[in-house]
N, C-alpha and C. Protein backbone atom coordinates (compact mmCIF):
# COMPACT_ATOMS: atom_id res chain seq x y z
N UNK A 1 50.91 -188.81 59.93
CA UNK A 1 50.21 -188.99 61.18
C UNK A 1 48.71 -189.07 61.00
N UNK A 2 48.23 -189.10 59.77
CA UNK A 2 46.78 -189.06 59.64
C UNK A 2 46.18 -189.97 58.59
N UNK A 3 46.74 -191.11 58.29
CA UNK A 3 46.00 -192.02 57.42
C UNK A 3 46.53 -193.42 57.37
N UNK A 4 46.10 -194.16 56.32
CA UNK A 4 46.32 -195.60 56.20
C UNK A 4 47.75 -196.02 56.50
N UNK A 5 48.71 -195.39 55.84
CA UNK A 5 50.09 -195.81 56.06
C UNK A 5 50.72 -195.06 57.22
N UNK A 6 49.91 -194.29 57.92
CA UNK A 6 50.41 -193.55 59.07
C UNK A 6 51.02 -192.21 58.69
N UNK A 7 51.11 -191.91 57.42
CA UNK A 7 51.76 -190.68 56.99
C UNK A 7 50.95 -189.81 56.05
N UNK A 8 50.18 -190.40 55.18
CA UNK A 8 49.59 -189.62 54.10
C UNK A 8 48.14 -190.03 53.82
N UNK A 9 47.36 -189.05 53.38
CA UNK A 9 46.05 -189.35 52.83
C UNK A 9 46.24 -189.78 51.38
N UNK A 10 45.32 -190.57 50.89
CA UNK A 10 45.33 -190.96 49.49
C UNK A 10 44.00 -190.51 48.89
N UNK A 11 44.09 -189.60 47.95
CA UNK A 11 42.93 -188.94 47.35
C UNK A 11 42.73 -189.40 45.91
N UNK A 12 41.49 -189.28 45.47
CA UNK A 12 41.15 -189.43 44.06
C UNK A 12 40.27 -188.23 43.67
N UNK A 13 40.63 -187.60 42.57
CA UNK A 13 39.84 -186.48 42.03
C UNK A 13 39.37 -186.85 40.64
N UNK A 14 38.08 -186.71 40.41
CA UNK A 14 37.52 -186.90 39.08
C UNK A 14 38.09 -185.84 38.13
N UNK A 15 38.10 -186.15 36.86
CA UNK A 15 38.66 -185.24 35.87
C UNK A 15 37.64 -184.18 35.44
N UNK A 16 36.70 -184.59 34.61
CA UNK A 16 35.76 -183.64 34.01
C UNK A 16 34.71 -183.20 35.03
N UNK A 17 34.65 -181.89 35.26
CA UNK A 17 33.72 -181.33 36.22
C UNK A 17 34.37 -180.95 37.54
N UNK A 18 35.54 -181.53 37.82
CA UNK A 18 36.30 -181.17 39.01
C UNK A 18 37.56 -180.40 38.59
N UNK A 19 38.30 -180.97 37.66
CA UNK A 19 39.54 -180.33 37.21
C UNK A 19 39.31 -179.33 36.08
N UNK A 20 38.14 -179.40 35.45
CA UNK A 20 37.77 -178.41 34.43
C UNK A 20 36.31 -178.03 34.63
N UNK A 21 35.85 -177.13 33.80
CA UNK A 21 34.49 -176.61 33.95
C UNK A 21 33.51 -177.37 33.05
N UNK A 22 33.52 -178.69 33.16
CA UNK A 22 32.54 -179.52 32.47
C UNK A 22 31.24 -179.47 33.28
N UNK A 23 30.09 -179.35 32.66
CA UNK A 23 29.78 -179.50 31.24
C UNK A 23 29.86 -178.20 30.43
N UNK A 24 30.20 -177.07 31.05
CA UNK A 24 30.24 -175.81 30.31
C UNK A 24 31.18 -175.87 29.10
N UNK A 25 32.34 -176.52 29.26
CA UNK A 25 33.29 -176.60 28.13
C UNK A 25 32.73 -177.47 27.01
N UNK A 26 32.01 -178.52 27.36
CA UNK A 26 31.39 -179.39 26.36
C UNK A 26 30.27 -178.64 25.63
N UNK A 27 29.47 -177.90 26.37
CA UNK A 27 28.40 -177.11 25.74
C UNK A 27 28.99 -176.01 24.85
N UNK A 28 30.14 -175.48 25.24
CA UNK A 28 30.82 -174.49 24.40
C UNK A 28 31.27 -175.12 23.08
N UNK A 29 31.80 -176.34 23.14
CA UNK A 29 32.20 -177.06 21.94
C UNK A 29 30.98 -177.30 21.04
N UNK A 30 29.88 -177.75 21.62
CA UNK A 30 28.65 -177.99 20.86
C UNK A 30 28.22 -176.69 20.17
N UNK A 31 28.26 -175.59 20.89
CA UNK A 31 27.84 -174.29 20.33
C UNK A 31 28.73 -173.90 19.16
N UNK A 32 30.03 -174.13 19.28
CA UNK A 32 30.95 -173.80 18.18
C UNK A 32 30.68 -174.65 16.95
N UNK A 33 30.33 -175.91 17.17
CA UNK A 33 30.12 -176.83 16.06
C UNK A 33 28.75 -176.64 15.39
N UNK A 34 27.73 -176.31 16.19
CA UNK A 34 26.37 -176.28 15.66
C UNK A 34 25.80 -174.87 15.53
N UNK A 35 26.48 -173.89 16.12
CA UNK A 35 25.99 -172.51 16.20
C UNK A 35 24.66 -172.42 16.95
N UNK A 36 24.48 -173.38 17.90
CA UNK A 36 23.29 -173.39 18.76
C UNK A 36 23.77 -173.46 20.21
N UNK A 37 23.19 -172.62 21.04
CA UNK A 37 23.51 -172.64 22.47
C UNK A 37 22.46 -173.46 23.21
N UNK A 38 22.93 -174.29 24.12
CA UNK A 38 22.04 -175.12 24.92
C UNK A 38 22.27 -174.83 26.39
N UNK A 39 21.20 -174.79 27.18
CA UNK A 39 21.35 -174.48 28.60
C UNK A 39 21.88 -175.66 29.43
N UNK A 40 21.80 -176.88 28.86
CA UNK A 40 22.22 -178.06 29.61
C UNK A 40 22.56 -179.19 28.65
N UNK A 41 23.23 -180.19 29.16
CA UNK A 41 23.54 -181.38 28.38
C UNK A 41 22.24 -182.09 27.98
N UNK A 42 21.30 -182.17 28.90
CA UNK A 42 20.02 -182.82 28.58
C UNK A 42 19.30 -182.12 27.43
N UNK A 43 19.32 -180.79 27.42
CA UNK A 43 18.69 -180.04 26.33
C UNK A 43 19.41 -180.30 25.00
N UNK A 44 20.73 -180.37 25.04
CA UNK A 44 21.50 -180.66 23.83
C UNK A 44 21.18 -182.06 23.30
N UNK A 45 21.14 -183.04 24.20
CA UNK A 45 20.80 -184.42 23.79
C UNK A 45 19.42 -184.49 23.17
N UNK A 46 18.45 -183.84 23.79
CA UNK A 46 17.07 -183.90 23.31
C UNK A 46 16.93 -183.27 21.93
N UNK A 47 17.63 -182.19 21.70
CA UNK A 47 17.52 -181.49 20.42
C UNK A 47 18.36 -182.15 19.33
N UNK A 48 19.59 -182.50 19.66
CA UNK A 48 20.53 -183.00 18.65
C UNK A 48 20.37 -184.49 18.35
N UNK A 49 19.87 -185.25 19.29
CA UNK A 49 19.65 -186.69 19.17
C UNK A 49 20.88 -187.41 18.65
N UNK A 50 20.83 -188.03 17.45
CA UNK A 50 21.97 -188.81 16.94
C UNK A 50 23.21 -187.94 16.74
N UNK A 51 23.01 -186.68 16.36
CA UNK A 51 24.14 -185.78 16.15
C UNK A 51 24.93 -185.57 17.44
N UNK A 52 24.27 -185.70 18.57
CA UNK A 52 24.92 -185.52 19.87
C UNK A 52 26.09 -186.50 20.03
N UNK A 53 25.86 -187.77 19.73
CA UNK A 53 26.91 -188.79 19.87
C UNK A 53 28.07 -188.53 18.92
N UNK A 54 27.77 -188.09 17.70
CA UNK A 54 28.83 -187.76 16.74
C UNK A 54 29.65 -186.58 17.24
N UNK A 55 28.99 -185.56 17.79
CA UNK A 55 29.71 -184.41 18.35
C UNK A 55 30.58 -184.83 19.53
N UNK A 56 30.09 -185.75 20.36
CA UNK A 56 30.87 -186.23 21.50
C UNK A 56 32.14 -186.93 21.01
N UNK A 57 32.00 -187.73 19.96
CA UNK A 57 33.14 -188.40 19.35
C UNK A 57 34.15 -187.36 18.84
N UNK A 58 33.66 -186.35 18.13
CA UNK A 58 34.54 -185.30 17.61
C UNK A 58 35.22 -184.53 18.74
N UNK A 59 34.48 -184.28 19.80
CA UNK A 59 35.04 -183.58 20.97
C UNK A 59 36.19 -184.37 21.57
N UNK A 60 36.01 -185.67 21.69
CA UNK A 60 37.04 -186.52 22.29
C UNK A 60 38.32 -186.57 21.45
N UNK A 61 38.18 -186.35 20.15
CA UNK A 61 39.34 -186.34 19.26
C UNK A 61 39.95 -184.94 19.09
N UNK A 62 39.22 -183.94 19.49
CA UNK A 62 39.60 -182.56 19.20
C UNK A 62 40.72 -182.03 20.09
N UNK A 63 41.41 -181.02 19.57
CA UNK A 63 42.38 -180.29 20.39
C UNK A 63 41.65 -179.47 21.46
N UNK A 64 40.41 -179.07 21.17
CA UNK A 64 39.63 -178.26 22.10
C UNK A 64 39.56 -178.91 23.49
N UNK A 65 39.26 -180.21 23.51
CA UNK A 65 39.10 -180.94 24.78
C UNK A 65 40.37 -180.85 25.63
N UNK A 66 41.52 -180.84 24.99
CA UNK A 66 42.79 -180.87 25.71
C UNK A 66 43.41 -179.48 25.86
N UNK A 67 42.60 -178.46 25.58
CA UNK A 67 43.09 -177.10 25.75
C UNK A 67 42.20 -176.30 26.70
N UNK A 68 41.17 -176.94 27.27
CA UNK A 68 40.29 -176.21 28.19
C UNK A 68 41.08 -175.90 29.46
N UNK A 69 40.77 -174.77 30.08
CA UNK A 69 41.52 -174.39 31.28
C UNK A 69 41.31 -175.35 32.45
N UNK A 70 42.37 -175.53 33.21
CA UNK A 70 42.29 -176.27 34.47
C UNK A 70 41.62 -175.35 35.49
N UNK A 71 40.76 -175.91 36.30
CA UNK A 71 40.13 -175.17 37.39
C UNK A 71 41.24 -174.72 38.36
N UNK A 72 41.47 -173.39 38.51
CA UNK A 72 42.56 -172.92 39.39
C UNK A 72 42.41 -173.39 40.83
N UNK A 73 41.19 -173.49 41.29
CA UNK A 73 40.91 -173.98 42.65
C UNK A 73 41.40 -175.43 42.80
N UNK A 74 41.23 -176.24 41.76
CA UNK A 74 41.69 -177.63 41.78
C UNK A 74 43.22 -177.67 41.81
N UNK A 75 43.85 -176.85 40.97
CA UNK A 75 45.32 -176.81 40.94
C UNK A 75 45.86 -176.42 42.32
N UNK A 76 45.28 -175.40 42.92
CA UNK A 76 45.73 -174.93 44.24
C UNK A 76 45.52 -176.01 45.31
N UNK A 77 44.35 -176.63 45.31
CA UNK A 77 44.04 -177.65 46.31
C UNK A 77 44.97 -178.85 46.18
N UNK A 78 45.12 -179.34 44.97
CA UNK A 78 45.97 -180.52 44.76
C UNK A 78 47.43 -180.19 45.08
N UNK A 79 47.88 -179.01 44.72
CA UNK A 79 49.24 -178.59 45.05
C UNK A 79 49.46 -178.57 46.57
N UNK A 80 48.47 -178.08 47.30
CA UNK A 80 48.56 -178.06 48.77
C UNK A 80 48.62 -179.49 49.32
N UNK A 81 47.78 -180.36 48.80
CA UNK A 81 47.77 -181.75 49.26
C UNK A 81 49.11 -182.43 48.97
N UNK A 82 49.63 -182.24 47.77
CA UNK A 82 50.92 -182.82 47.41
C UNK A 82 52.03 -182.23 48.27
N UNK A 83 51.94 -180.93 48.55
CA UNK A 83 52.94 -180.27 49.37
C UNK A 83 53.02 -180.81 50.78
N UNK A 84 51.91 -181.33 51.29
CA UNK A 84 51.95 -181.90 52.64
C UNK A 84 52.23 -183.40 52.61
N UNK A 85 52.50 -183.92 51.41
CA UNK A 85 52.90 -185.32 51.29
C UNK A 85 51.80 -186.30 50.95
N UNK A 86 50.60 -185.81 50.68
CA UNK A 86 49.50 -186.71 50.33
C UNK A 86 49.71 -187.30 48.94
N UNK A 87 49.05 -188.41 48.70
CA UNK A 87 49.05 -189.07 47.40
C UNK A 87 47.77 -188.65 46.68
N UNK A 88 47.91 -188.23 45.42
CA UNK A 88 46.75 -187.77 44.65
C UNK A 88 46.68 -188.53 43.33
N UNK A 89 45.56 -189.21 43.15
CA UNK A 89 45.27 -189.86 41.88
C UNK A 89 44.22 -189.04 41.15
N UNK A 90 44.34 -189.01 39.85
CA UNK A 90 43.30 -188.43 39.00
C UNK A 90 42.55 -189.61 38.40
N UNK A 91 41.25 -189.59 38.56
CA UNK A 91 40.44 -190.69 38.05
C UNK A 91 39.51 -190.16 36.97
N UNK A 92 39.12 -191.06 36.09
CA UNK A 92 38.29 -190.62 34.97
C UNK A 92 37.38 -191.73 34.50
N UNK A 93 36.26 -191.30 33.95
CA UNK A 93 35.38 -192.24 33.25
C UNK A 93 35.48 -192.02 31.74
N UNK A 94 36.48 -191.21 31.34
CA UNK A 94 36.71 -191.04 29.90
C UNK A 94 36.94 -192.41 29.28
N UNK A 95 36.41 -192.64 28.08
CA UNK A 95 36.54 -193.97 27.44
C UNK A 95 37.93 -194.18 26.85
N UNK A 96 38.92 -194.36 27.71
CA UNK A 96 40.31 -194.44 27.28
C UNK A 96 40.58 -195.59 26.32
N UNK A 97 39.89 -196.71 26.50
CA UNK A 97 40.14 -197.86 25.63
C UNK A 97 39.59 -197.64 24.22
N UNK A 98 38.64 -196.73 24.06
CA UNK A 98 38.06 -196.47 22.74
C UNK A 98 38.85 -195.44 21.93
N UNK A 99 39.73 -194.70 22.63
CA UNK A 99 40.49 -193.62 21.99
C UNK A 99 41.96 -193.78 22.38
N UNK A 100 42.76 -194.40 21.49
CA UNK A 100 44.14 -194.75 21.84
C UNK A 100 45.00 -193.57 22.34
N UNK A 101 44.77 -192.37 21.88
CA UNK A 101 45.60 -191.23 22.29
C UNK A 101 45.02 -190.48 23.49
N UNK A 102 43.83 -190.83 23.92
CA UNK A 102 43.16 -190.06 24.97
C UNK A 102 43.91 -190.08 26.30
N UNK A 103 44.43 -191.21 26.70
CA UNK A 103 45.15 -191.30 27.98
C UNK A 103 46.36 -190.37 27.97
N UNK A 104 47.19 -190.48 26.94
CA UNK A 104 48.39 -189.65 26.84
C UNK A 104 48.02 -188.17 26.76
N UNK A 105 47.03 -187.83 25.94
CA UNK A 105 46.64 -186.43 25.80
C UNK A 105 46.04 -185.88 27.09
N UNK A 106 45.28 -186.70 27.81
CA UNK A 106 44.71 -186.28 29.09
C UNK A 106 45.82 -186.02 30.11
N UNK A 107 46.80 -186.91 30.16
CA UNK A 107 47.90 -186.74 31.11
C UNK A 107 48.74 -185.50 30.75
N UNK A 108 48.96 -185.28 29.48
CA UNK A 108 49.69 -184.06 29.06
C UNK A 108 48.91 -182.81 29.43
N UNK A 109 47.60 -182.83 29.24
CA UNK A 109 46.76 -181.70 29.60
C UNK A 109 46.89 -181.40 31.09
N UNK A 110 46.85 -182.45 31.93
CA UNK A 110 46.99 -182.27 33.38
C UNK A 110 48.36 -181.70 33.73
N UNK A 111 49.41 -182.28 33.15
CA UNK A 111 50.77 -181.82 33.45
C UNK A 111 51.00 -180.39 32.97
N UNK A 112 50.54 -180.09 31.76
CA UNK A 112 50.68 -178.72 31.23
C UNK A 112 49.87 -177.72 32.04
N UNK A 113 48.80 -178.19 32.68
CA UNK A 113 47.96 -177.33 33.50
C UNK A 113 48.43 -177.20 34.94
N UNK A 114 49.57 -177.82 35.26
CA UNK A 114 50.14 -177.68 36.59
C UNK A 114 49.53 -178.59 37.64
N UNK A 115 48.87 -179.66 37.22
CA UNK A 115 48.30 -180.61 38.18
C UNK A 115 49.36 -181.66 38.51
N UNK A 116 49.73 -181.74 39.79
CA UNK A 116 50.67 -182.74 40.26
C UNK A 116 49.87 -183.96 40.68
N UNK A 117 50.24 -185.14 40.19
CA UNK A 117 49.47 -186.33 40.55
C UNK A 117 50.36 -187.55 40.51
N UNK A 118 49.89 -188.59 41.20
CA UNK A 118 50.69 -189.81 41.35
C UNK A 118 50.25 -190.92 40.40
N UNK A 119 49.14 -190.75 39.74
CA UNK A 119 48.66 -191.75 38.81
C UNK A 119 47.34 -191.33 38.21
N UNK A 120 46.99 -191.99 37.11
CA UNK A 120 45.78 -191.71 36.35
C UNK A 120 44.99 -193.01 36.31
N UNK A 121 43.84 -193.05 36.96
CA UNK A 121 43.10 -194.29 37.17
C UNK A 121 41.71 -194.26 36.54
N UNK A 122 41.19 -195.44 36.22
CA UNK A 122 39.78 -195.50 35.85
C UNK A 122 38.93 -195.19 37.08
N UNK A 123 37.83 -194.49 36.87
CA UNK A 123 36.94 -194.15 37.99
C UNK A 123 36.04 -195.35 38.28
N UNK A 124 36.62 -196.33 38.94
CA UNK A 124 35.92 -197.56 39.32
C UNK A 124 36.34 -197.89 40.74
N UNK A 125 35.41 -198.35 41.55
CA UNK A 125 35.70 -198.66 42.95
C UNK A 125 36.88 -199.63 43.08
N UNK A 126 36.92 -200.65 42.23
CA UNK A 126 37.98 -201.66 42.31
C UNK A 126 39.36 -201.00 42.15
N UNK A 127 39.50 -200.16 41.15
CA UNK A 127 40.77 -199.49 40.89
C UNK A 127 41.13 -198.53 42.02
N UNK A 128 40.14 -197.77 42.49
CA UNK A 128 40.40 -196.82 43.57
C UNK A 128 40.81 -197.55 44.85
N UNK A 129 40.15 -198.66 45.15
CA UNK A 129 40.48 -199.43 46.35
C UNK A 129 41.86 -200.08 46.22
N UNK A 130 42.17 -200.62 45.04
CA UNK A 130 43.49 -201.24 44.83
C UNK A 130 44.61 -200.24 45.06
N UNK A 131 44.35 -198.98 44.77
CA UNK A 131 45.35 -197.92 44.96
C UNK A 131 45.20 -197.22 46.31
N UNK A 132 44.42 -197.81 47.20
CA UNK A 132 44.22 -197.36 48.58
C UNK A 132 43.67 -195.94 48.69
N UNK A 133 42.87 -195.53 47.69
CA UNK A 133 42.25 -194.21 47.76
C UNK A 133 41.29 -194.19 48.95
N UNK A 134 41.43 -193.16 49.75
CA UNK A 134 40.61 -193.02 50.95
C UNK A 134 39.36 -192.22 50.68
N UNK A 135 39.47 -191.23 49.79
CA UNK A 135 38.34 -190.36 49.48
C UNK A 135 38.39 -190.03 47.99
N UNK A 136 37.22 -190.07 47.38
CA UNK A 136 37.07 -189.68 45.98
C UNK A 136 36.23 -188.41 45.92
N UNK A 137 36.70 -187.42 45.17
CA UNK A 137 35.98 -186.16 44.99
C UNK A 137 35.44 -186.13 43.57
N UNK A 138 34.13 -185.91 43.44
CA UNK A 138 33.48 -185.98 42.13
C UNK A 138 32.35 -184.97 42.05
N UNK A 139 32.02 -184.55 40.84
CA UNK A 139 30.92 -183.61 40.63
C UNK A 139 29.63 -184.30 40.21
N UNK A 140 29.68 -185.59 39.98
CA UNK A 140 28.54 -186.33 39.44
C UNK A 140 27.82 -187.11 40.54
N UNK A 141 26.59 -186.71 40.90
CA UNK A 141 25.87 -187.42 41.96
C UNK A 141 25.68 -188.91 41.69
N UNK A 142 25.51 -189.28 40.42
CA UNK A 142 25.34 -190.70 40.11
C UNK A 142 26.63 -191.48 40.34
N UNK A 143 27.76 -190.89 40.01
CA UNK A 143 29.05 -191.54 40.27
C UNK A 143 29.25 -191.68 41.78
N UNK A 144 28.91 -190.64 42.52
CA UNK A 144 29.01 -190.67 43.99
C UNK A 144 28.13 -191.79 44.55
N UNK A 145 26.92 -191.87 44.05
CA UNK A 145 25.98 -192.90 44.52
C UNK A 145 26.56 -194.30 44.27
N UNK A 146 27.08 -194.50 43.08
CA UNK A 146 27.64 -195.81 42.72
C UNK A 146 28.86 -196.15 43.58
N UNK A 147 29.81 -195.22 43.67
CA UNK A 147 31.04 -195.48 44.42
C UNK A 147 30.78 -195.65 45.91
N UNK A 148 29.85 -194.87 46.45
CA UNK A 148 29.49 -195.01 47.85
C UNK A 148 28.88 -196.39 48.10
N UNK A 149 28.06 -196.84 47.15
CA UNK A 149 27.48 -198.18 47.24
C UNK A 149 28.51 -199.28 47.20
N UNK A 150 29.67 -198.98 46.61
CA UNK A 150 30.78 -199.93 46.54
C UNK A 150 31.74 -199.78 47.72
N UNK A 151 31.36 -198.93 48.69
CA UNK A 151 32.16 -198.81 49.90
C UNK A 151 33.20 -197.70 49.91
N UNK A 152 33.17 -196.81 48.91
CA UNK A 152 34.13 -195.71 48.86
C UNK A 152 33.61 -194.52 49.67
N UNK A 153 34.51 -193.79 50.31
CA UNK A 153 34.20 -192.50 50.91
C UNK A 153 34.22 -191.48 49.78
N UNK A 154 33.19 -190.68 49.66
CA UNK A 154 33.11 -189.71 48.56
C UNK A 154 32.68 -188.34 49.07
N UNK A 155 33.10 -187.34 48.33
CA UNK A 155 32.68 -185.96 48.57
C UNK A 155 32.17 -185.42 47.24
N UNK A 156 30.98 -184.84 47.27
CA UNK A 156 30.38 -184.27 46.07
C UNK A 156 30.78 -182.81 45.94
N UNK A 157 31.37 -182.47 44.82
CA UNK A 157 31.81 -181.10 44.53
C UNK A 157 30.84 -180.48 43.54
N UNK A 158 30.12 -179.47 44.00
CA UNK A 158 29.18 -178.77 43.12
C UNK A 158 29.34 -177.28 43.33
N UNK A 159 29.95 -176.63 42.35
CA UNK A 159 30.13 -175.18 42.43
C UNK A 159 28.80 -174.47 42.53
N UNK A 160 27.83 -174.99 41.80
CA UNK A 160 26.46 -174.47 41.85
C UNK A 160 25.60 -175.63 42.33
N UNK A 161 25.20 -175.61 43.60
CA UNK A 161 24.44 -176.75 44.13
C UNK A 161 23.17 -177.02 43.32
N UNK A 162 22.94 -178.29 43.08
CA UNK A 162 21.71 -178.70 42.38
C UNK A 162 20.85 -179.47 43.37
N UNK A 163 20.13 -180.43 42.87
CA UNK A 163 19.22 -181.16 43.75
C UNK A 163 19.99 -181.92 44.83
N UNK A 164 19.46 -181.95 46.04
CA UNK A 164 20.16 -182.64 47.13
C UNK A 164 20.18 -184.15 46.90
N UNK A 165 21.19 -184.77 47.41
CA UNK A 165 21.29 -186.23 47.30
C UNK A 165 20.32 -186.88 48.27
N UNK A 166 20.00 -188.12 47.97
CA UNK A 166 19.07 -188.84 48.82
C UNK A 166 19.75 -189.45 50.04
N UNK A 167 21.06 -189.29 50.16
CA UNK A 167 21.73 -189.79 51.36
C UNK A 167 22.53 -188.67 52.00
N UNK A 168 22.13 -188.29 53.21
CA UNK A 168 22.73 -187.14 53.88
C UNK A 168 24.16 -187.36 54.35
N UNK A 169 24.64 -188.60 54.34
CA UNK A 169 26.00 -188.85 54.81
C UNK A 169 27.07 -188.36 53.83
N UNK A 170 26.67 -187.97 52.64
CA UNK A 170 27.61 -187.46 51.65
C UNK A 170 27.80 -185.96 51.87
N UNK A 171 29.04 -185.57 52.03
CA UNK A 171 29.39 -184.16 52.19
C UNK A 171 29.36 -183.49 50.81
N UNK A 172 28.75 -182.33 50.72
CA UNK A 172 28.72 -181.55 49.48
C UNK A 172 29.53 -180.28 49.73
N UNK A 173 30.45 -179.99 48.80
CA UNK A 173 31.26 -178.77 48.91
C UNK A 173 31.10 -177.94 47.65
N UNK A 174 31.22 -176.61 47.79
CA UNK A 174 31.14 -175.69 46.65
C UNK A 174 32.52 -175.22 46.22
N UNK A 175 33.51 -175.44 47.06
CA UNK A 175 34.87 -174.97 46.81
C UNK A 175 35.81 -176.07 47.30
N UNK A 176 36.74 -176.49 46.46
CA UNK A 176 37.63 -177.58 46.83
C UNK A 176 38.47 -177.27 48.06
N UNK A 177 38.69 -176.00 48.32
CA UNK A 177 39.48 -175.63 49.50
C UNK A 177 38.75 -175.95 50.80
N UNK A 178 37.46 -176.25 50.71
CA UNK A 178 36.71 -176.69 51.89
C UNK A 178 37.26 -178.02 52.43
N UNK A 179 38.01 -178.74 51.60
CA UNK A 179 38.60 -180.00 52.06
C UNK A 179 39.55 -179.79 53.23
N UNK A 180 40.02 -178.56 53.42
CA UNK A 180 40.97 -178.27 54.49
C UNK A 180 40.29 -177.83 55.79
N UNK A 181 38.98 -177.70 55.79
CA UNK A 181 38.28 -177.32 57.02
C UNK A 181 38.44 -178.40 58.08
N UNK A 182 38.59 -178.00 59.31
CA UNK A 182 38.80 -178.95 60.40
C UNK A 182 37.64 -179.93 60.55
N UNK A 183 36.41 -179.44 60.41
CA UNK A 183 35.27 -180.36 60.56
C UNK A 183 35.22 -181.39 59.44
N UNK A 184 35.72 -181.04 58.26
CA UNK A 184 35.80 -182.00 57.16
C UNK A 184 36.81 -183.09 57.52
N UNK A 185 37.94 -182.67 58.02
CA UNK A 185 38.97 -183.62 58.45
C UNK A 185 38.39 -184.56 59.50
N UNK A 186 37.75 -184.00 60.50
CA UNK A 186 37.21 -184.81 61.59
C UNK A 186 36.16 -185.78 61.09
N UNK A 187 35.28 -185.32 60.20
CA UNK A 187 34.19 -186.16 59.73
C UNK A 187 34.68 -187.35 58.91
N UNK A 188 35.64 -187.11 58.02
CA UNK A 188 36.03 -188.15 57.08
C UNK A 188 37.26 -188.95 57.48
N UNK A 189 38.15 -188.37 58.27
CA UNK A 189 39.44 -189.01 58.41
C UNK A 189 39.82 -189.47 59.81
N UNK A 190 39.20 -188.94 60.84
CA UNK A 190 39.57 -189.33 62.20
C UNK A 190 39.37 -190.84 62.40
N UNK A 191 38.30 -191.37 61.83
CA UNK A 191 38.02 -192.79 62.04
C UNK A 191 39.05 -193.69 61.36
N UNK A 192 39.84 -193.14 60.45
CA UNK A 192 40.82 -193.95 59.72
C UNK A 192 42.21 -193.89 60.36
N UNK A 193 42.35 -193.10 61.41
CA UNK A 193 43.68 -192.96 62.01
C UNK A 193 43.98 -194.13 62.92
């Protein structure tokens, strides 16, 4: 009774930063490999320079990447959405074409972590629209900016709020369970009924 097909919402959730604690898990991997702690990805890039890209490559091949904990709040939220009949896609900007096993390993990580989902998509407006995604949830302001510019409805998820976005029409949430608030429903979905 509340969306495109008259029955279900169609959601997209970003992988890294929404379903896991990225960039903290990436910085943890860097610390294990280099024995240096960095306060941010930018600090790691500035200090490590060329070594940063090599570490990123190693991270993408590592078991570490596919053993990081799933965000329990994400598991609970997605389970609730699936329980009410919604369609949930997991989207990613992971370079799947560059790493032949990454897609399978990512999907296994999601399934082993208890994430119920209907498909695994590239985080691109074209793909999200083709799959009738109504809302995309992401932790990256630049991704939000790009997808919104392509006509997607987006919600920015920031557990620790950072700098405000330059467009106030984007809803920012600190907890994924905020998606169930009545005012969130009214703001994003009433116009689509």
